PDB file of N, CA and C in Angstrom:
ATOM      1  N   MET A   1      13.093 -17.092  -4.572  1.00  0.00           N
ATOM      2  CA  MET A   1      12.256 -17.238  -5.758  1.00  0.00           C
ATOM      3  C   MET A   1      10.899 -17.803  -5.357  1.00  0.00           C
ATOM      4  N   SER A   2       9.861 -17.242  -5.925  1.00  0.00           N
ATOM      5  CA  SER A   2       8.515 -17.690  -5.573  1.00  0.00           C
ATOM      6  C   SER A   2       8.063 -18.824  -6.485  1.00  0.00           C
ATOM      7  N   SER A   3       7.102 -19.548  -5.988  1.00  0.00           N
ATOM      8  CA  SER A   3       6.496 -20.635  -6.747  1.00  0.00           C
ATOM      9  C   SER A   3       4.983 -20.515  -6.586  1.00  0.00           C
ATOM     10  N   ILE A   4       4.411 -19.544  -7.284  1.00  0.00           N
ATOM     11  CA  ILE A   4       2.988 -19.263  -7.158  1.00  0.00           C
ATOM     12  C   ILE A   4       2.190 -20.337  -7.884  1.00  0.00           C
ATOM     13  N   LYS A   5       1.201 -20.861  -7.177  1.00  0.00           N
ATOM     14  CA  LYS A   5       0.326 -21.887  -7.738  1.00  0.00           C
ATOM     15  C   LYS A   5      -1.110 -21.437  -7.579  1.00  0.00           C
ATOM     16  N   ILE A   6      -1.857 -21.531  -8.664  1.00  0.00           N
ATOM     17  CA  ILE A   6      -3.276 -21.196  -8.638  1.00  0.00           C
ATOM     18  C   ILE A   6      -4.058 -22.472  -8.906  1.00  0.00           C
ATOM     19  N   TYR A   7      -4.868 -22.857  -7.934  1.00  0.00           N
ATOM     20  CA  TYR A   7      -5.791 -23.967  -8.138  1.00  0.00           C
ATOM     21  C   TYR A   7      -7.043 -23.380  -8.773  1.00  0.00           C
ATOM     22  N   TYR A   8      -7.422 -23.927  -9.927  1.00  0.00           N
ATOM     23  CA  TYR A   8      -8.579 -23.425 -10.663  1.00  0.00           C
ATOM     24  C   TYR A   8      -9.333 -24.600 -11.277  1.00  0.00           C
ATOM     25  N   SER A   9     -10.447 -24.317 -11.908  1.00  0.00           N
ATOM     26  CA  SER A   9     -11.216 -25.354 -12.589  1.00  0.00           C
ATOM     27  C   SER A   9     -11.485 -24.932 -14.029  1.00  0.00           C
ATOM     28  N   SER A  10     -11.046 -25.751 -14.955  1.00  0.00           N
ATOM     29  CA  SER A  10     -11.297 -25.456 -16.366  1.00  0.00           C
ATOM     30  C   SER A  10     -12.733 -25.797 -16.766  1.00  0.00           C
ATOM     31  N   LEU A  11     -13.442 -26.511 -15.897  1.00  0.00           N
ATOM     32  CA  LEU A  11     -14.803 -26.947 -16.220  1.00  0.00           C
ATOM     33  C   LEU A  11     -15.876 -26.296 -15.355  1.00  0.00           C
ATOM     34  N   SER A  12     -15.571 -25.195 -14.750  1.00  0.00           N
ATOM     35  CA  SER A  12     -16.551 -24.545 -13.877  1.00  0.00           C
ATOM     36  C   SER A  12     -17.752 -24.057 -14.675  1.00  0.00           C
ATOM     37  N   GLY A  13     -18.932 -24.370 -14.185  1.00  0.00           N
ATOM     38  CA  GLY A  13     -20.157 -23.888 -14.800  1.00  0.00           C
ATOM     39  C   GLY A  13     -20.563 -22.526 -14.264  1.00  0.00           C
ATOM     40  N   SER A  14     -19.837 -22.059 -13.273  1.00  0.00           N
ATOM     41  CA  SER A  14     -20.156 -20.787 -12.630  1.00  0.00           C
ATOM     42  C   SER A  14     -19.415 -19.636 -13.306  1.00  0.00           C
ATOM     43  N   ARG A  15     -20.169 -18.652 -13.783  1.00  0.00           N
ATOM     44  CA  ARG A  15     -19.551 -17.485 -14.402  1.00  0.00           C
ATOM     45  C   ARG A  15     -18.715 -16.715 -13.380  1.00  0.00           C
ATOM     46  N   GLU A  16     -19.199 -16.659 -12.147  1.00  0.00           N
ATOM     47  CA  GLU A  16     -18.467 -15.954 -11.092  1.00  0.00           C
ATOM     48  C   GLU A  16     -17.092 -16.587 -10.857  1.00  0.00           C
ATOM     49  N   VAL A  17     -17.043 -17.910 -10.775  1.00  0.00           N
ATOM     50  CA  VAL A  17     -15.767 -18.600 -10.564  1.00  0.00           C
ATOM     51  C   VAL A  17     -14.832 -18.334 -11.742  1.00  0.00           C
ATOM     52  N   LYS A  18     -15.346 -18.404 -12.957  1.00  0.00           N
ATOM     53  CA  LYS A  18     -14.519 -18.139 -14.142  1.00  0.00           C
ATOM     54  C   LYS A  18     -13.956 -16.719 -14.116  1.00  0.00           C
ATOM     55  N   GLN A  19     -14.789 -15.746 -13.758  1.00  0.00           N
ATOM     56  CA  GLN A  19     -14.340 -14.356 -13.707  1.00  0.00           C
ATOM     57  C   GLN A  19     -13.268 -14.168 -12.639  1.00  0.00           C
ATOM     58  N   ARG A  20     -13.441 -14.816 -11.505  1.00  0.00           N
ATOM     59  CA  ARG A  20     -12.455 -14.711 -10.429  1.00  0.00           C
ATOM     60  C   ARG A  20     -11.131 -15.318 -10.856  1.00  0.00           C
ATOM     61  N   GLN A  21     -11.201 -16.458 -11.509  1.00  0.00           N
ATOM     62  CA  GLN A  21      -9.981 -17.108 -11.991  1.00  0.00           C
ATOM     63  C   GLN A  21      -9.262 -16.218 -13.002  1.00  0.00           C
ATOM     64  N   GLU A  22     -10.027 -15.621 -13.905  1.00  0.00           N
ATOM     65  CA  GLU A  22      -9.441 -14.730 -14.908  1.00  0.00           C
ATOM     66  C   GLU A  22      -8.811 -13.504 -14.263  1.00  0.00           C
ATOM     67  N   GLU A  23      -9.437 -12.979 -13.211  1.00  0.00           N
ATOM     68  CA  GLU A  23      -8.861 -11.811 -12.541  1.00  0.00           C
ATOM     69  C   GLU A  23      -7.543 -12.164 -11.869  1.00  0.00           C
ATOM     70  N   PHE A  24      -7.481 -13.325 -11.230  1.00  0.00           N
ATOM     71  CA  PHE A  24      -6.223 -13.790 -10.634  1.00  0.00           C
ATOM     72  C   PHE A  24      -5.107 -13.745 -11.676  1.00  0.00           C
ATOM     73  N   THR A  25      -5.325 -14.404 -12.799  1.00  0.00           N
ATOM     74  CA  THR A  25      -4.261 -14.505 -13.802  1.00  0.00           C
ATOM     75  C   THR A  25      -3.964 -13.154 -14.446  1.00  0.00           C
ATOM     76  N   ARG A  26      -4.979 -12.343 -14.681  1.00  0.00           N
ATOM     77  CA  ARG A  26      -4.762 -11.031 -15.279  1.00  0.00           C
ATOM     78  C   ARG A  26      -3.883 -10.147 -14.383  1.00  0.00           C
ATOM     79  N   ILE A  27      -4.180 -10.141 -13.088  1.00  0.00           N
ATOM     80  CA  ILE A  27      -3.391  -9.316 -12.162  1.00  0.00           C
ATOM     81  C   ILE A  27      -1.961  -9.831 -12.061  1.00  0.00           C
ATOM     82  N   LEU A  28      -1.805 -11.144 -11.947  1.00  0.00           N
ATOM     83  CA  LEU A  28      -0.452 -11.699 -11.872  1.00  0.00           C
ATOM     84  C   LEU A  28       0.328 -11.414 -13.147  1.00  0.00           C
ATOM     85  N   ASP A  29      -0.334 -11.488 -14.297  1.00  0.00           N
ATOM     86  CA  ASP A  29       0.329 -11.146 -15.560  1.00  0.00           C
ATOM     87  C   ASP A  29       0.730  -9.677 -15.582  1.00  0.00           C
ATOM     88  N   THR A  30      -0.124  -8.801 -15.050  1.00  0.00           N
ATOM     89  CA  THR A  30       0.185  -7.372 -14.984  1.00  0.00           C
ATOM     90  C   THR A  30       1.452  -7.125 -14.163  1.00  0.00           C
ATOM     91  N   TYR A  31       1.582  -7.863 -13.058  1.00  0.00           N
ATOM     92  CA  TYR A  31       2.763  -7.733 -12.192  1.00  0.00           C
ATOM     93  C   TYR A  31       3.951  -8.544 -12.711  1.00  0.00           C
ATOM     94  N   LYS A  32       3.755  -9.229 -13.840  1.00  0.00           N
ATOM     95  CA  LYS A  32       4.790 -10.088 -14.432  1.00  0.00           C
ATOM     96  C   LYS A  32       5.268 -11.162 -13.453  1.00  0.00           C
ATOM     97  N   ILE A  33       4.309 -11.730 -12.722  1.00  0.00           N
ATOM     98  CA  ILE A  33       4.593 -12.792 -11.761  1.00  0.00           C
ATOM     99  C   ILE A  33       4.297 -14.127 -12.429  1.00  0.00           C
ATOM    100  N   LYS A  34       5.288 -14.997 -12.428  1.00  0.00           N
ATOM    101  CA  LYS A  34       5.096 -16.322 -13.012  1.00  0.00           C
ATOM    102  C   LYS A  34       4.294 -17.181 -12.047  1.00  0.00           C
ATOM    103  N   TYR A  35       3.454 -18.033 -12.605  1.00  0.00           N
ATOM    104  CA  TYR A  35       2.602 -18.892 -11.783  1.00  0.00           C
ATOM    105  C   TYR A  35       2.325 -20.188 -12.515  1.00  0.00           C
ATOM    106  N   GLU A  36       1.912 -21.156 -11.756  1.00  0.00           N
ATOM    107  CA  GLU A  36       1.524 -22.458 -12.298  1.00  0.00           C
ATOM    108  C   GLU A  36       0.032 -22.626 -12.065  1.00  0.00           C
ATOM    109  N   LEU A  37      -0.684 -23.019 -13.111  1.00  0.00           N
ATOM    110  CA  LEU A  37      -2.108 -23.299 -12.982  1.00  0.00           C
ATOM    111  C   LEU A  37      -2.295 -24.790 -12.719  1.00  0.00           C
ATOM    112  N   ILE A  38      -3.069 -25.109 -11.699  1.00  0.00           N
ATOM    113  CA  ILE A  38      -3.349 -26.498 -11.354  1.00  0.00           C
ATOM    114  C   ILE A  38      -4.850 -26.699 -11.459  1.00  0.00           C
ATOM    115  N   ASP A  39      -5.252 -27.525 -12.408  1.00  0.00           N
ATOM    116  CA  ASP A  39      -6.667 -27.725 -12.726  1.00  0.00           C
ATOM    117  C   ASP A  39      -7.266 -28.812 -11.837  1.00  0.00           C
ATOM    118  N   ILE A  40      -8.165 -28.406 -10.941  1.00  0.00           N
ATOM    119  CA  ILE A  40      -8.780 -29.372 -10.018  1.00  0.00           C
ATOM    120  C   ILE A  40      -9.792 -30.268 -10.710  1.00  0.00           C
ATOM    121  N   SER A  41     -10.211 -29.895 -11.914  1.00  0.00           N
ATOM    122  CA  SER A  41     -11.208 -30.720 -12.612  1.00  0.00           C
ATOM    123  C   SER A  41     -10.580 -31.959 -13.252  1.00  0.00           C
ATOM    124  N   VAL A  42      -9.273 -32.047 -13.233  1.00  0.00           N
ATOM    125  CA  VAL A  42      -8.578 -33.195 -13.815  1.00  0.00           C
ATOM    126  C   VAL A  42      -8.816 -34.459 -12.992  1.00  0.00           C
ATOM    127  N   SER A  43      -8.788 -34.290 -11.661  1.00  0.00           N
ATOM    128  CA  SER A  43      -9.021 -35.471 -10.818  1.00  0.00           C
ATOM    129  C   SER A  43      -9.484 -35.058  -9.421  1.00  0.00           C
ATOM    130  N   LEU A  44     -10.202 -35.954  -8.798  1.00  0.00           N
ATOM    131  CA  LEU A  44     -10.659 -35.748  -7.432  1.00  0.00           C
ATOM    132  C   LEU A  44      -9.469 -35.601  -6.486  1.00  0.00           C
ATOM    133  N   LYS A  45      -8.381 -36.297  -6.777  1.00  0.00           N
ATOM    134  CA  LYS A  45      -7.174 -36.229  -5.947  1.00  0.00           C
ATOM    135  C   LYS A  45      -6.630 -34.796  -5.879  1.00  0.00           C
ATOM    136  N   ILE A  46      -6.644 -34.090  -7.004  1.00  0.00           N
ATOM    137  CA  ILE A  46      -6.136 -32.707  -7.029  1.00  0.00           C
ATOM    138  C   ILE A  46      -7.074 -31.784  -6.254  1.00  0.00           C
ATOM    139  N   LEU A  47      -8.376 -31.983  -6.382  1.00  0.00           N
ATOM    140  CA  LEU A  47      -9.343 -31.202  -5.598  1.00  0.00           C
ATOM    141  C   LEU A  47      -9.108 -31.430  -4.106  1.00  0.00           C
ATOM    142  N   GLN A  48      -8.941 -32.675  -3.701  1.00  0.00           N
ATOM    143  CA  GLN A  48      -8.696 -32.988  -2.294  1.00  0.00           C
ATOM    144  C   GLN A  48      -7.370 -32.399  -1.821  1.00  0.00           C
ATOM    145  N   GLU A  49      -6.353 -32.422  -2.690  1.00  0.00           N
ATOM    146  CA  GLU A  49      -5.051 -31.825  -2.366  1.00  0.00           C
ATOM    147  C   GLU A  49      -5.208 -30.334  -2.091  1.00  0.00           C
ATOM    148  N   MET A  50      -5.959 -29.638  -2.967  1.00  0.00           N
ATOM    149  CA  MET A  50      -6.189 -28.202  -2.781  1.00  0.00           C
ATOM    150  C   MET A  50      -6.870 -27.954  -1.444  1.00  0.00           C
ATOM    151  N   ARG A  51      -7.914 -28.693  -1.164  1.00  0.00           N
ATOM    152  CA  ARG A  51      -8.671 -28.479   0.074  1.00  0.00           C
ATOM    153  C   ARG A  51      -7.834 -28.776   1.306  1.00  0.00           C
ATOM    154  N   MET A  52      -6.955 -29.753   1.227  1.00  0.00           N
ATOM    155  CA  MET A  52      -6.067 -30.060   2.344  1.00  0.00           C
ATOM    156  C   MET A  52      -5.077 -28.907   2.564  1.00  0.00           C
ATOM    157  N   LYS A  53      -4.511 -28.384   1.466  1.00  0.00           N
ATOM    158  CA  LYS A  53      -3.510 -27.315   1.572  1.00  0.00           C
ATOM    159  C   LYS A  53      -4.101 -26.014   2.092  1.00  0.00           C
ATOM    160  N   VAL A  54      -5.378 -25.761   1.808  1.00  0.00           N
ATOM    161  CA  VAL A  54      -5.999 -24.521   2.276  1.00  0.00           C
ATOM    162  C   VAL A  54      -6.752 -24.723   3.587  1.00  0.00           C
ATOM    163  N   SER A  55      -6.746 -25.968   4.082  1.00  0.00           N
ATOM    164  CA  SER A  55      -7.366 -26.318   5.371  1.00  0.00           C
ATOM    165  C   SER A  55      -8.858 -25.997   5.423  1.00  0.00           C
ATOM    166  N   THR A  56      -9.524 -26.141   4.276  1.00  0.00           N
ATOM    167  CA  THR A  56     -10.965 -25.905   4.208  1.00  0.00           C
ATOM    168  C   THR A  56     -11.598 -27.022   3.388  1.00  0.00           C
ATOM    169  N   PRO A  57     -12.367 -27.896   4.041  1.00  0.00           N
ATOM    170  CA  PRO A  57     -12.915 -29.063   3.348  1.00  0.00           C
ATOM    171  C   PRO A  57     -13.844 -28.760   2.169  1.00  0.00           C
ATOM    172  N   LYS A  58     -14.430 -27.574   2.133  1.00  0.00           N
ATOM    173  CA  LYS A  58     -15.357 -27.247   1.044  1.00  0.00           C
ATOM    174  C   LYS A  58     -14.856 -26.097   0.179  1.00  0.00           C
ATOM    175  N   ALA A  59     -13.536 -25.837   0.213  1.00  0.00           N
ATOM    176  CA  ALA A  59     -12.959 -24.729  -0.556  1.00  0.00           C
ATOM    177  C   ALA A  59     -13.230 -24.894  -2.045  1.00  0.00           C
ATOM    178  N   LEU A  60     -13.520 -23.774  -2.686  1.00  0.00           N
ATOM    179  CA  LEU A  60     -13.749 -23.732  -4.125  1.00  0.00           C
ATOM    180  C   LEU A  60     -12.638 -22.925  -4.784  1.00  0.00           C
ATOM    181  N   PRO A  61     -12.381 -23.185  -6.063  1.00  0.00           N
ATOM    182  CA  PRO A  61     -11.371 -22.392  -6.757  1.00  0.00           C
ATOM    183  C   PRO A  61     -11.886 -20.986  -7.034  1.00  0.00           C
ATOM    184  N   PRO A  62     -11.008 -20.050  -7.266  1.00  0.00           N
ATOM    185  CA  PRO A  62      -9.560 -20.182  -7.250  1.00  0.00           C
ATOM    186  C   PRO A  62      -8.981 -20.027  -5.844  1.00  0.00           C
ATOM    187  N   GLN A  63      -7.892 -20.731  -5.623  1.00  0.00           N
ATOM    188  CA  GLN A  63      -7.106 -20.639  -4.388  1.00  0.00           C
ATOM    189  C   GLN A  63      -5.657 -20.441  -4.819  1.00  0.00           C
ATOM    190  N   ILE A  64      -4.888 -19.695  -4.028  1.00  0.00           N
ATOM    191  CA  ILE A  64      -3.517 -19.398  -4.437  1.00  0.00           C
ATOM    192  C   ILE A  64      -2.537 -19.713  -3.325  1.00  0.00           C
ATOM    193  N   LEU A  65      -1.405 -20.283  -3.720  1.00  0.00           N
ATOM    194  CA  LEU A  65      -0.341 -20.642  -2.785  1.00  0.00           C
ATOM    195  C   LEU A  65       0.986 -20.119  -3.316  1.00  0.00           C
ATOM    196  N   ASN A  66       1.910 -19.889  -2.397  1.00  0.00           N
ATOM    197  CA  ASN A  66       3.294 -19.603  -2.756  1.00  0.00           C
ATOM    198  C   ASN A  66       4.078 -20.788  -2.220  1.00  0.00           C
ATOM    199  N   GLY A  67       4.486 -21.678  -3.110  1.00  0.00           N
ATOM    200  CA  GLY A  67       5.093 -22.939  -2.684  1.00  0.00           C
ATOM    201  C   GLY A  67       4.041 -23.744  -1.945  1.00  0.00           C
ATOM    202  N   GLN A  68       4.345 -24.121  -0.714  1.00  0.00           N
ATOM    203  CA  GLN A  68       3.384 -24.865   0.103  1.00  0.00           C
ATOM    204  C   GLN A  68       2.609 -23.942   1.050  1.00  0.00           C
ATOM    205  N   GLU A  69       2.909 -22.643   1.007  1.00  0.00           N
ATOM    206  CA  GLU A  69       2.285 -21.680   1.924  1.00  0.00           C
ATOM    207  C   GLU A  69       1.022 -21.081   1.304  1.00  0.00           C
ATOM    208  N   TYR A  70      -0.085 -21.239   2.008  1.00  0.00           N
ATOM    209  CA  TYR A  70      -1.368 -20.734   1.530  1.00  0.00           C
ATOM    210  C   TYR A  70      -1.399 -19.218   1.598  1.00  0.00           C
ATOM    211  N   CYS A  71      -1.764 -18.583   0.488  1.00  0.00           N
ATOM    212  CA  CYS A  71      -1.881 -17.124   0.443  1.00  0.00           C
ATOM    213  C   CYS A  71      -3.321 -16.685   0.676  1.00  0.00           C
ATOM    214  N   GLY A  72      -4.275 -17.365   0.019  1.00  0.00           N
ATOM    215  CA  GLY A  72      -5.656 -16.998   0.227  1.00  0.00           C
ATOM    216  C   GLY A  72      -6.556 -17.339  -0.944  1.00  0.00           C
ATOM    217  N   ASP A  73      -7.806 -16.913  -0.802  1.00  0.00           N
ATOM    218  CA  ASP A  73      -8.816 -17.140  -1.827  1.00  0.00           C
ATOM    219  C   ASP A  73      -9.066 -15.826  -2.570  1.00  0.00           C
ATOM    220  N   PHE A  74     -10.100 -15.805  -3.381  1.00  0.00           N
ATOM    221  CA  PHE A  74     -10.356 -14.621  -4.191  1.00  0.00           C
ATOM    222  C   PHE A  74     -10.663 -13.391  -3.348  1.00  0.00           C
ATOM    223  N   GLU A  75     -11.492 -13.542  -2.316  1.00  0.00           N
ATOM    224  CA  GLU A  75     -11.848 -12.375  -1.502  1.00  0.00           C
ATOM    225  C   GLU A  75     -10.607 -11.746  -0.870  1.00  0.00           C
ATOM    226  N   MET A  76      -9.711 -12.578  -0.378  1.00  0.00           N
ATOM    227  CA  MET A  76      -8.481 -12.077   0.238  1.00  0.00           C
ATOM    228  C   MET A  76      -7.591 -11.409  -0.815  1.00  0.00           C
ATOM    229  N   PHE A  77      -7.530 -12.008  -1.998  1.00  0.00           N
ATOM    230  CA  PHE A  77      -6.752 -11.461  -3.109  1.00  0.00           C
ATOM    231  C   PHE A  77      -7.308 -10.104  -3.523  1.00  0.00           C
ATOM    232  N   HIS A  78      -8.628 -10.025  -3.644  1.00  0.00           N
ATOM    233  CA  HIS A  78      -9.284  -8.782  -4.056  1.00  0.00           C
ATOM    234  C   HIS A  78      -9.006  -7.661  -3.042  1.00  0.00           C
ATOM    235  N   LYS A  79      -9.076  -7.996  -1.776  1.00  0.00           N
ATOM    236  CA  LYS A  79      -8.796  -7.007  -0.726  1.00  0.00           C
ATOM    237  C   LYS A  79      -7.344  -6.520  -0.824  1.00  0.00           C
ATOM    238  N   ALA A  80      -6.423  -7.446  -1.054  1.00  0.00           N
ATOM    239  CA  ALA A  80      -5.011  -7.077  -1.199  1.00  0.00           C
ATOM    240  C   ALA A  80      -4.809  -6.177  -2.416  1.00  0.00           C
ATOM    241  N   LYS A  81      -5.520  -6.465  -3.485  1.00  0.00           N
ATOM    242  CA  LYS A  81      -5.425  -5.643  -4.694  1.00  0.00           C
ATOM    243  C   LYS A  81      -5.923  -4.235  -4.404  1.00  0.00           C
ATOM    244  N   GLU A  82      -7.053  -4.130  -3.728  1.00  0.00           N
ATOM    245  CA  GLU A  82      -7.612  -2.816  -3.395  1.00  0.00           C
ATOM    246  C   GLU A  82      -6.670  -2.013  -2.494  1.00  0.00           C
ATOM    247  N   ASN A  83      -5.935  -2.701  -1.629  1.00  0.00           N
ATOM    248  CA  ASN A  83      -4.999  -2.046  -0.708  1.00  0.00           C
ATOM    249  C   ASN A  83      -3.594  -1.919  -1.280  1.00  0.00           C
ATOM    250  N   LYS A  84      -3.444  -2.314  -2.565  1.00  0.00           N
ATOM    251  CA  LYS A  84      -2.138  -2.283  -3.236  1.00  0.00           C
ATOM    252  C   LYS A  84      -1.091  -3.104  -2.469  1.00  0.00           C
ATOM    253  N   GLU A  85      -1.509  -4.295  -2.032  1.00  0.00           N
ATOM    254  CA  GLU A  85      -0.632  -5.175  -1.263  1.00  0.00           C
ATOM    255  C   GLU A  85      -0.529  -6.571  -1.894  1.00  0.00           C
ATOM    256  N   ILE A  86      -0.527  -6.620  -3.221  1.00  0.00           N
ATOM    257  CA  ILE A  86      -0.475  -7.912  -3.920  1.00  0.00           C
ATOM    258  C   ILE A  86       0.773  -8.696  -3.542  1.00  0.00           C
ATOM    259  N   LEU A  87       1.942  -8.062  -3.565  1.00  0.00           N
ATOM    260  CA  LEU A  87       3.180  -8.790  -3.263  1.00  0.00           C
ATOM    261  C   LEU A  87       3.198  -9.292  -1.830  1.00  0.00           C
ATOM    262  N   LYS A  88       2.656  -8.512  -0.924  1.00  0.00           N
ATOM    263  CA  LYS A  88       2.555  -8.951   0.478  1.00  0.00           C
ATOM    264  C   LYS A  88       1.609 -10.151   0.566  1.00  0.00           C
ATOM    265  N   PHE A  89       0.470 -10.071  -0.092  1.00  0.00           N
ATOM    266  CA  PHE A  89      -0.493 -11.164  -0.113  1.00  0.00           C
ATOM    267  C   PHE A  89       0.151 -12.454  -0.635  1.00  0.00           C
ATOM    268  N   LEU A  90       0.968 -12.305  -1.668  1.00  0.00           N
ATOM    269  CA  LEU A  90       1.625 -13.457  -2.285  1.00  0.00           C
ATOM    270  C   LEU A  90       2.856 -13.924  -1.510  1.00  0.00           C
ATOM    271  N   LYS A  91       3.142 -13.262  -0.398  1.00  0.00           N
ATOM    272  CA  LYS A  91       4.284 -13.586   0.462  1.00  0.00           C
ATOM    273  C   LYS A  91       5.600 -13.482  -0.321  1.00  0.00           C
ATOM    274  N   MET A  92       5.686 -12.401  -1.099  1.00  0.00           N
ATOM    275  CA  MET A  92       6.865 -12.154  -1.925  1.00  0.00           C
ATOM    276  C   MET A  92       7.680 -10.954  -1.425  1.00  0.00           C
ATOM    277  N   GLU A  93       7.277 -10.386  -0.283  1.00  0.00           N
ATOM    278  CA  GLU A  93       8.061  -9.282   0.283  1.00  0.00           C
ATOM    279  C   GLU A  93       8.136  -9.406   1.780  1.00  0.00           C
TER     280      GLU A  93
END
């Protein structure tokens, strides 16, 4: 069983970040994949947790994990979508 987690920001002032976050959730909903949204804007601790898990000190949302395993960022997700490899990207196959 997968445990997909999306780190996102509910307070992003960037339209691009908002659109990317929406695309993540829209695609996962299309595939009927359950996920947990983790809002990094709630606390600095959650932002630092996300950056530690993705091993990138300046990582921005959205970032996606399957359990504790990092899947990737939006660019990687978009590439997987274009190649019809969403489940592989999410480490679900």
